[in-house]
Full PDB file with SEQRES, HELIX, SHEET, SSBOND, CRYST1, ORIGX, SCALE, CONECT and MASTER records, all heavy atoms in Angstrom:
SEQRES   1 A   33  GLY GLY TRP VAL SER ARG LEU ARG VAL SER ILE PRO THR          
SEQRES   2 A   33  SER LEU GLY GLN THR LEU ASP ASP PHE ILE GLU THR ASP          
SEQRES   3 A   33  ALA ALA ILE ASN PRO GLY ASN                                  
SHEET    1 AA1 2 VAL A   4  PRO A  12  0                                        
SHEET    2 AA1 2 THR A  18  THR A  25 -1                                        
CRYST1    1.000    1.000    1.000  90.00  90.00  90.00 P 1           1          
ORIGX1      1.000000  0.000000  0.000000        0.00000                         
ORIGX2      0.000000  1.000000  0.000000        0.00000                         
ORIGX3      0.000000  0.000000  1.000000        0.00000                         
SCALE1      1.000000  0.000000  0.000000        0.00000                         
SCALE2      0.000000  1.000000  0.000000        0.00000                         
SCALE3      0.000000  0.000000  1.000000        0.00000                         
ATOM      1  N   GLY A   1     104.156 102.145 117.736  1.00  0.00           N  
ATOM      2  CA  GLY A   1     104.663 103.500 117.906  1.00  0.00           C  
ATOM      3  C   GLY A   1     105.936 103.738 117.121  1.00  0.00           C  
ATOM      4  O   GLY A   1     106.671 102.805 116.787  1.00  0.00           O  
ATOM      5  N   GLY A   2     106.198 105.008 116.810  1.00  0.00           N  
ATOM      6  CA  GLY A   2     107.420 105.368 116.100  1.00  0.00           C  
ATOM      7  C   GLY A   2     107.540 106.867 115.979  1.00  0.00           C  
ATOM      8  O   GLY A   2     106.963 107.617 116.768  1.00  0.00           O  
ATOM      9  N   TRP A   3     108.300 107.294 115.004  1.00  0.00           N  
ATOM     10  CA  TRP A   3     108.562 108.704 114.796  1.00  0.00           C  
ATOM     11  C   TRP A   3     108.205 109.112 113.370  1.00  0.00           C  
ATOM     12  O   TRP A   3     108.156 108.276 112.470  1.00  0.00           O  
ATOM     13  CB  TRP A   3     110.043 109.016 115.034  1.00  0.00           C  
ATOM     14  CG  TRP A   3     110.454 108.941 116.459  1.00  0.00           C  
ATOM     15  CD1 TRP A   3     110.515 109.959 117.368  1.00  0.00           C  
ATOM     16  CD2 TRP A   3     110.893 107.773 117.165  1.00  0.00           C  
ATOM     17  NE1 TRP A   3     110.942 109.512 118.588  1.00  0.00           N  
ATOM     18  CE2 TRP A   3     111.182 108.165 118.497  1.00  0.00           C  
ATOM     19  CE3 TRP A   3     111.045 106.425 116.813  1.00  0.00           C  
ATOM     20  CZ2 TRP A   3     111.632 107.272 119.461  1.00  0.00           C  
ATOM     21  CZ3 TRP A   3     111.489 105.535 117.777  1.00  0.00           C  
ATOM     22  CH2 TRP A   3     111.775 105.953 119.078  1.00  0.00           C  
ATOM     23  N   VAL A   4     107.998 110.385 113.184  1.00  0.00           N  
ATOM     24  CA  VAL A   4     107.885 110.934 111.837  1.00  0.00           C  
ATOM     25  C   VAL A   4     109.288 110.975 111.244  1.00  0.00           C  
ATOM     26  O   VAL A   4     110.189 111.609 111.806  1.00  0.00           O  
ATOM     27  CB  VAL A   4     107.274 112.350 111.854  1.00  0.00           C  
ATOM     28  CG1 VAL A   4     107.315 112.964 110.462  1.00  0.00           C  
ATOM     29  CG2 VAL A   4     105.845 112.308 112.384  1.00  0.00           C  
ATOM     30  N   SER A   5     109.472 110.292 110.127  1.00  0.00           N  
ATOM     31  CA  SER A   5     110.791 110.219 109.502  1.00  0.00           C  
ATOM     32  C   SER A   5     110.996 111.289 108.441  1.00  0.00           C  
ATOM     33  O   SER A   5     112.084 111.860 108.314  1.00  0.00           O  
ATOM     34  CB  SER A   5     110.990 108.840 108.858  1.00  0.00           C  
ATOM     35  OG  SER A   5     110.779 107.813 109.794  1.00  0.00           O  
ATOM     36  N   ARG A   6     109.951 111.535 107.639  1.00  0.00           N  
ATOM     37  CA  ARG A   6     109.992 112.573 106.594  1.00  0.00           C  
ATOM     38  C   ARG A   6     108.589 113.123 106.416  1.00  0.00           C  
ATOM     39  O   ARG A   6     107.606 112.477 106.760  1.00  0.00           O  
ATOM     40  CB  ARG A   6     110.478 112.006 105.257  1.00  0.00           C  
ATOM     41  CG  ARG A   6     111.951 111.773 105.153  1.00  0.00           C  
ATOM     42  CD  ARG A   6     112.366 111.537 103.694  1.00  0.00           C  
ATOM     43  NE  ARG A   6     111.735 110.351 103.123  1.00  0.00           N  
ATOM     44  CZ  ARG A   6     111.653 110.107 101.820  1.00  0.00           C  
ATOM     45  NH1 ARG A   6     112.113 110.995 100.932  1.00  0.00           N  
ATOM     46  NH2 ARG A   6     111.088 109.000 101.373  1.00  0.00           N  
ATOM     47  N   LEU A   7     108.510 114.302 105.823  1.00  0.00           N  
ATOM     48  CA  LEU A   7     107.232 114.944 105.540  1.00  0.00           C  
ATOM     49  C   LEU A   7     107.158 115.339 104.075  1.00  0.00           C  
ATOM     50  O   LEU A   7     108.180 115.492 103.408  1.00  0.00           O  
ATOM     51  CB  LEU A   7     107.041 116.185 106.418  1.00  0.00           C  
ATOM     52  CG  LEU A   7     106.915 115.930 107.924  1.00  0.00           C  
ATOM     53  CD1 LEU A   7     107.059 117.225 108.697  1.00  0.00           C  
ATOM     54  CD2 LEU A   7     105.586 115.253 108.246  1.00  0.00           C  
ATOM     55  N   ARG A   8     105.912 115.490 103.583  1.00  0.00           N  
ATOM     56  CA  ARG A   8     105.672 115.899 102.194  1.00  0.00           C  
ATOM     57  C   ARG A   8     106.439 115.003 101.220  1.00  0.00           C  
ATOM     58  O   ARG A   8     107.104 115.466 100.298  1.00  0.00           O  
ATOM     59  CB  ARG A   8     106.009 117.376 101.990  1.00  0.00           C  
ATOM     60  CG  ARG A   8     105.055 118.293 102.736  1.00  0.00           C  
ATOM     61  CD  ARG A   8     105.469 119.741 102.657  1.00  0.00           C  
ATOM     62  NE  ARG A   8     106.647 119.988 103.481  1.00  0.00           N  
ATOM     63  CZ  ARG A   8     106.617 120.187 104.788  1.00  0.00           C  
ATOM     64  NH1 ARG A   8     105.477 120.169 105.433  1.00  0.00           N  
ATOM     65  NH2 ARG A   8     107.723 120.406 105.460  1.00  0.00           N  
ATOM     66  N   VAL A   9     106.311 113.704 101.436  1.00  0.00           N  
ATOM     67  CA  VAL A   9     107.023 112.713 100.635  1.00  0.00           C  
ATOM     68  C   VAL A   9     106.220 112.384  99.381  1.00  0.00           C  
ATOM     69  O   VAL A   9     104.995 112.242  99.424  1.00  0.00           O  
ATOM     70  CB  VAL A   9     107.255 111.430 101.457  1.00  0.00           C  
ATOM     71  CG1 VAL A   9     107.966 110.366 100.613  1.00  0.00           C  
ATOM     72  CG2 VAL A   9     108.059 111.746 102.708  1.00  0.00           C  
ATOM     73  N   SER A  10     106.909 112.251  98.262  1.00  0.00           N  
ATOM     74  CA  SER A  10     106.312 111.729  97.031  1.00  0.00           C  
ATOM     75  C   SER A  10     106.836 110.318  96.824  1.00  0.00           C  
ATOM     76  O   SER A  10     108.040 110.081  96.929  1.00  0.00           O  
ATOM     77  CB  SER A  10     106.694 112.608  95.828  1.00  0.00           C  
ATOM     78  OG  SER A  10     106.183 113.912  95.981  1.00  0.00           O  
ATOM     79  N   ILE A  11     105.922 109.374  96.559  1.00  0.00           N  
ATOM     80  CA  ILE A  11     106.349 107.993  96.367  1.00  0.00           C  
ATOM     81  C   ILE A  11     105.759 107.450  95.076  1.00  0.00           C  
ATOM     82  O   ILE A  11     104.617 107.729  94.736  1.00  0.00           O  
ATOM     83  CB  ILE A  11     105.953 107.094  97.551  1.00  0.00           C  
ATOM     84  CG1 ILE A  11     104.444 107.154  97.806  1.00  0.00           C  
ATOM     85  CG2 ILE A  11     106.711 107.476  98.805  1.00  0.00           C  
ATOM     86  CD1 ILE A  11     103.978 106.221  98.895  1.00  0.00           C  
ATOM     87  N   PRO A  12     106.549 106.671  94.309  1.00  0.00           N  
ATOM     88  CA  PRO A  12     106.039 106.081  93.067  1.00  0.00           C  
ATOM     89  C   PRO A  12     105.215 104.840  93.368  1.00  0.00           C  
ATOM     90  O   PRO A  12     105.480 104.105  94.318  1.00  0.00           O  
ATOM     91  CB  PRO A  12     107.318 105.724  92.304  1.00  0.00           C  
ATOM     92  CG  PRO A  12     108.319 105.456  93.381  1.00  0.00           C  
ATOM     93  CD  PRO A  12     107.970 106.378  94.529  1.00  0.00           C  
ATOM     94  N   THR A  13     104.202 104.589  92.551  1.00  0.00           N  
ATOM     95  CA  THR A  13     103.445 103.353  92.647  1.00  0.00           C  
ATOM     96  C   THR A  13     103.958 102.375  91.607  1.00  0.00           C  
ATOM     97  O   THR A  13     104.786 102.707  90.760  1.00  0.00           O  
ATOM     98  CB  THR A  13     101.944 103.600  92.401  1.00  0.00           C  
ATOM     99  OG1 THR A  13     101.744 103.868  91.009  1.00  0.00           O  
ATOM    100  CG2 THR A  13     101.442 104.759  93.232  1.00  0.00           C  
ATOM    101  N   SER A  14     103.447 101.158  91.668  1.00  0.00           N  
ATOM    102  CA  SER A  14     103.855 100.141  90.699  1.00  0.00           C  
ATOM    103  C   SER A  14     103.375 100.476  89.293  1.00  0.00           C  
ATOM    104  O   SER A  14     103.801  99.850  88.327  1.00  0.00           O  
ATOM    105  CB  SER A  14     103.303  98.769  91.119  1.00  0.00           C  
ATOM    106  OG  SER A  14     101.894  98.813  91.210  1.00  0.00           O  
ATOM    107  N   LEU A  15     102.470 101.465  89.167  1.00  0.00           N  
ATOM    108  CA  LEU A  15     101.969 101.877  87.856  1.00  0.00           C  
ATOM    109  C   LEU A  15     102.846 102.944  87.213  1.00  0.00           C  
ATOM    110  O   LEU A  15     102.513 103.479  86.170  1.00  0.00           O  
ATOM    111  CB  LEU A  15     100.538 102.407  87.992  1.00  0.00           C  
ATOM    112  CG  LEU A  15      99.517 101.425  88.565  1.00  0.00           C  
ATOM    113  CD1 LEU A  15      98.172 102.117  88.735  1.00  0.00           C  
ATOM    114  CD2 LEU A  15      99.391 100.214  87.683  1.00  0.00           C  
ATOM    115  N   GLY A  16     103.968 103.298  87.873  1.00  0.00           N  
ATOM    116  CA  GLY A  16     104.838 104.320  87.330  1.00  0.00           C  
ATOM    117  C   GLY A  16     104.332 105.721  87.588  1.00  0.00           C  
ATOM    118  O   GLY A  16     104.775 106.662  86.948  1.00  0.00           O  
ATOM    119  N   GLN A  17     103.398 105.879  88.521  1.00  0.00           N  
ATOM    120  CA  GLN A  17     102.842 107.176  88.846  1.00  0.00           C  
ATOM    121  C   GLN A  17     103.350 107.622  90.208  1.00  0.00           C  
ATOM    122  O   GLN A  17     104.062 106.893  90.885  1.00  0.00           O  
ATOM    123  CB  GLN A  17     101.321 107.114  88.795  1.00  0.00           C  
ATOM    124  CG  GLN A  17     100.819 106.738  87.409  1.00  0.00           C  
ATOM    125  CD  GLN A  17      99.388 106.251  87.410  1.00  0.00           C  
ATOM    126  OE1 GLN A  17      98.875 105.801  88.430  1.00  0.00           O  
ATOM    127  NE2 GLN A  17      98.731 106.337  86.271  1.00  0.00           N  
ATOM    128  N   THR A  18     102.981 108.836  90.621  1.00  0.00           N  
ATOM    129  CA  THR A  18     103.526 109.408  91.833  1.00  0.00           C  
ATOM    130  C   THR A  18     102.412 109.947  92.718  1.00  0.00           C  
ATOM    131  O   THR A  18     101.488 110.587  92.242  1.00  0.00           O  
ATOM    132  CB  THR A  18     104.511 110.545  91.492  1.00  0.00           C  
ATOM    133  OG1 THR A  18     105.555 110.030  90.665  1.00  0.00           O  
ATOM    134  CG2 THR A  18     105.130 111.117  92.761  1.00  0.00           C  
ATOM    135  N   LEU A  19     102.528 109.674  94.023  1.00  0.00           N  
ATOM    136  CA  LEU A  19     101.613 110.199  95.019  1.00  0.00           C  
ATOM    137  C   LEU A  19     102.369 111.195  95.882  1.00  0.00           C  
ATOM    138  O   LEU A  19     103.537 110.988  96.189  1.00  0.00           O  
ATOM    139  CB  LEU A  19     101.058 109.068  95.875  1.00  0.00           C  
ATOM    140  CG  LEU A  19     100.407 107.915  95.114  1.00  0.00           C  
ATOM    141  CD1 LEU A  19     100.041 106.794  96.062  1.00  0.00           C  
ATOM    142  CD2 LEU A  19      99.184 108.411  94.380  1.00  0.00           C  
ATOM    143  N   ASP A  20     101.673 112.259  96.312  1.00  0.00           N  
ATOM    144  CA  ASP A  20     102.355 113.354  96.981  1.00  0.00           C  
ATOM    145  C   ASP A  20     101.838 113.579  98.392  1.00  0.00           C  
ATOM    146  O   ASP A  20     100.752 113.154  98.755  1.00  0.00           O  
ATOM    147  CB  ASP A  20     102.193 114.641  96.167  1.00  0.00           C  
ATOM    148  CG  ASP A  20     102.920 114.570  94.840  1.00  0.00           C  
ATOM    149  OD1 ASP A  20     104.155 114.644  94.849  1.00  0.00           O  
ATOM    150  OD2 ASP A  20     102.249 114.417  93.804  1.00  0.00           O  
ATOM    151  N   ASP A  21     102.638 114.319  99.163  1.00  0.00           N  
ATOM    152  CA  ASP A  21     102.309 114.790 100.507  1.00  0.00           C  
ATOM    153  C   ASP A  21     101.999 113.648 101.455  1.00  0.00           C  
ATOM    154  O   ASP A  21     101.005 113.663 102.183  1.00  0.00           O  
ATOM    155  CB  ASP A  21     101.160 115.801 100.464  1.00  0.00           C  
ATOM    156  CG  ASP A  21     101.147 116.694 101.706  1.00  0.00           C  
ATOM    157  OD1 ASP A  21     102.201 116.809 102.354  1.00  0.00           O  
ATOM    158  OD2 ASP A  21     100.083 117.237 102.034  1.00  0.00           O  
ATOM    159  N   PHE A  22     102.881 112.652 101.473  1.00  0.00           N  
ATOM    160  CA  PHE A  22     102.769 111.564 102.416  1.00  0.00           C  
ATOM    161  C   PHE A  22     103.634 111.834 103.643  1.00  0.00           C  
ATOM    162  O   PHE A  22     104.626 112.556 103.577  1.00  0.00           O  
ATOM    163  CB  PHE A  22     103.212 110.243 101.785  1.00  0.00           C  
ATOM    164  CG  PHE A  22     102.100 109.512 101.097  1.00  0.00           C  
ATOM    165  CD1 PHE A  22     101.513 110.030  99.955  1.00  0.00           C  
ATOM    166  CD2 PHE A  22     101.633 108.309 101.584  1.00  0.00           C  
ATOM    167  CE1 PHE A  22     100.487 109.363  99.322  1.00  0.00           C  
ATOM    168  CE2 PHE A  22     100.602 107.631 100.960  1.00  0.00           C  
ATOM    169  CZ  PHE A  22     100.030 108.160  99.830  1.00  0.00           C  
ATOM    170  N   ILE A  23     103.221 111.235 104.742  1.00  0.00           N  
ATOM    171  CA  ILE A  23     104.013 111.244 105.973  1.00  0.00           C  
ATOM    172  C   ILE A  23     104.743 109.915 106.049  1.00  0.00           C  
ATOM    173  O   ILE A  23     104.115 108.851 105.994  1.00  0.00           O  
ATOM    174  CB  ILE A  23     103.102 111.404 107.206  1.00  0.00           C  
ATOM    175  CG1 ILE A  23     102.279 112.686 107.108  1.00  0.00           C  
ATOM    176  CG2 ILE A  23     103.932 111.375 108.486  1.00  0.00           C  
ATOM    177  CD1 ILE A  23     101.086 112.707 108.049  1.00  0.00           C  
ATOM    178  N   GLU A  24     106.060 109.961 106.155  1.00  0.00           N  
ATOM    179  CA  GLU A  24     106.829 108.721 106.328  1.00  0.00           C  
ATOM    180  C   GLU A  24     107.075 108.503 107.813  1.00  0.00           C  
ATOM    181  O   GLU A  24     107.438 109.423 108.539  1.00  0.00           O  
ATOM    182  CB  GLU A  24     108.158 108.808 105.583  1.00  0.00           C  
ATOM    183  CG  GLU A  24     108.978 107.519 105.682  1.00  0.00           C  
ATOM    184  CD  GLU A  24     110.312 107.623 104.983  1.00  0.00           C  
ATOM    185  OE1 GLU A  24     110.316 107.826 103.751  1.00  0.00           O  
ATOM    186  OE2 GLU A  24     111.347 107.528 105.668  1.00  0.00           O  
ATOM    187  N   THR A  25     106.866 107.266 108.261  1.00  0.00           N  
ATOM    188  CA  THR A  25     107.075 106.922 109.660  1.00  0.00           C  
ATOM    189  C   THR A  25     107.767 105.573 109.779  1.00  0.00           C  
ATOM    190  O   THR A  25     107.640 104.727 108.889  1.00  0.00           O  
ATOM    191  CB  THR A  25     105.738 106.890 110.423  1.00  0.00           C  
ATOM    192  OG1 THR A  25     105.978 106.485 111.777  1.00  0.00           O  
ATOM    193  CG2 THR A  25     104.758 105.925 109.786  1.00  0.00           C  
ATOM    194  N   ASP A  26     108.495 105.392 110.881  1.00  0.00           N  
ATOM    195  CA  ASP A  26     109.089 104.080 111.124  1.00  0.00           C  
ATOM    196  C   ASP A  26     108.210 103.237 112.042  1.00  0.00           C  
ATOM    197  O   ASP A  26     108.588 102.136 112.424  1.00  0.00           O  
ATOM    198  CB  ASP A  26     110.500 104.213 111.696  1.00  0.00           C  
ATOM    199  CG  ASP A  26     110.510 104.818 113.098  1.00  0.00           C  
ATOM    200  OD1 ASP A  26     109.478 105.378 113.520  1.00  0.00           O  
ATOM    201  OD2 ASP A  26     111.565 104.744 113.756  1.00  0.00           O  
ATOM    202  N   ALA A  27     107.016 103.746 112.391  1.00  0.00           N  
ATOM    203  CA  ALA A  27     106.057 102.912 113.120  1.00  0.00           C  
ATOM    204  C   ALA A  27     105.709 101.697 112.262  1.00  0.00           C  
ATOM    205  O   ALA A  27     105.418 101.835 111.075  1.00  0.00           O  
ATOM    206  CB  ALA A  27     104.796 103.712 113.455  1.00  0.00           C  
ATOM    207  N   ALA A  28     105.754 100.520 112.843  1.00  0.00           N  
ATOM    208  CA  ALA A  28     105.552  99.297 112.071  1.00  0.00           C  
ATOM    209  C   ALA A  28     104.157  99.258 111.455  1.00  0.00           C  
ATOM    210  O   ALA A  28     103.158  99.383 112.153  1.00  0.00           O  
ATOM    211  CB  ALA A  28     105.758  98.081 112.968  1.00  0.00           C  
ATOM    212  N   ILE A  29     104.107  99.105 110.142  1.00  0.00           N  
ATOM    213  CA  ILE A  29     102.843  99.020 109.399  1.00  0.00           C  
ATOM    214  C   ILE A  29     102.796  97.660 108.716  1.00  0.00           C  
ATOM    215  O   ILE A  29     103.745  97.270 108.026  1.00  0.00           O  
ATOM    216  CB  ILE A  29     102.733 100.161 108.374  1.00  0.00           C  
ATOM    217  CG1 ILE A  29     102.635 101.511 109.102  1.00  0.00           C  
ATOM    218  CG2 ILE A  29     101.548  99.965 107.447  1.00  0.00           C  
ATOM    219  CD1 ILE A  29     102.703 102.703 108.197  1.00  0.00           C  
ATOM    220  N   ASN A  30     101.704  96.966 108.913  1.00  0.00           N  
ATOM    221  CA  ASN A  30     101.567  95.614 108.378  1.00  0.00           C  
ATOM    222  C   ASN A  30     100.278  95.486 107.584  1.00  0.00           C  
ATOM    223  O   ASN A  30      99.388  96.345 107.673  1.00  0.00           O  
ATOM    224  CB  ASN A  30     101.562  94.602 109.533  1.00  0.00           C  
ATOM    225  CG  ASN A  30     102.887  94.545 110.263  1.00  0.00           C  
ATOM    226  OD1 ASN A  30     103.885  94.106 109.708  1.00  0.00           O  
ATOM    227  ND2 ASN A  30     102.896  95.010 111.499  1.00  0.00           N  
ATOM    228  N   PRO A  31     100.154  94.414 106.776  1.00  0.00           N  
ATOM    229  CA  PRO A  31      98.883  94.179 106.090  1.00  0.00           C  
ATOM    230  C   PRO A  31      97.722  94.198 107.088  1.00  0.00           C  
ATOM    231  O   PRO A  31      97.794  93.595 108.152  1.00  0.00           O  
ATOM    232  CB  PRO A  31      99.077  92.790 105.481  1.00  0.00           C  
ATOM    233  CG  PRO A  31     100.557  92.675 105.279  1.00  0.00           C  
ATOM    234  CD  PRO A  31     101.175  93.407 106.434  1.00  0.00           C  
ATOM    235  N   GLY A  32      96.665  94.899 106.737  1.00  0.00           N  
ATOM    236  CA  GLY A  32      95.538  95.081 107.635  1.00  0.00           C  
ATOM    237  C   GLY A  32      95.491  96.465 108.249  1.00  0.00           C  
ATOM    238  O   GLY A  32      94.450  96.916 108.714  1.00  0.00           O  
ATOM    239  N   ASN A  33      96.632  97.174 108.270  1.00  0.00           N  
ATOM    240  CA  ASN A  33      96.674  98.531 108.819  1.00  0.00           C  
ATOM    241  C   ASN A  33      96.053  99.574 107.888  1.00  0.00           C  
ATOM    242  O   ASN A  33      95.722 100.682 108.329  1.00  0.00           O  
ATOM    243  CB  ASN A  33      98.113  98.960 109.115  1.00  0.00           C  
ATOM    244  CG  ASN A  33      98.601  98.507 110.480  1.00  0.00           C  
ATOM    245  OD1 ASN A  33      99.446  97.628 110.586  1.00  0.00           O  
ATOM    246  ND2 ASN A  33      98.052  99.100 111.531  1.00  0.00           N  
TER     247      ASN A  33                                                      
MASTER        0    0    0    0    2    0    0    6  246    1    0    3          
END                                                                             
């Protein structure tokens, strides 16, 4: 569980590109999620 930290977030990938409209949360996310 956690909270919504930001909305409509753009984040860069390792390829130097950008993804848009993400929800940022502090809910713990781990490999497999």
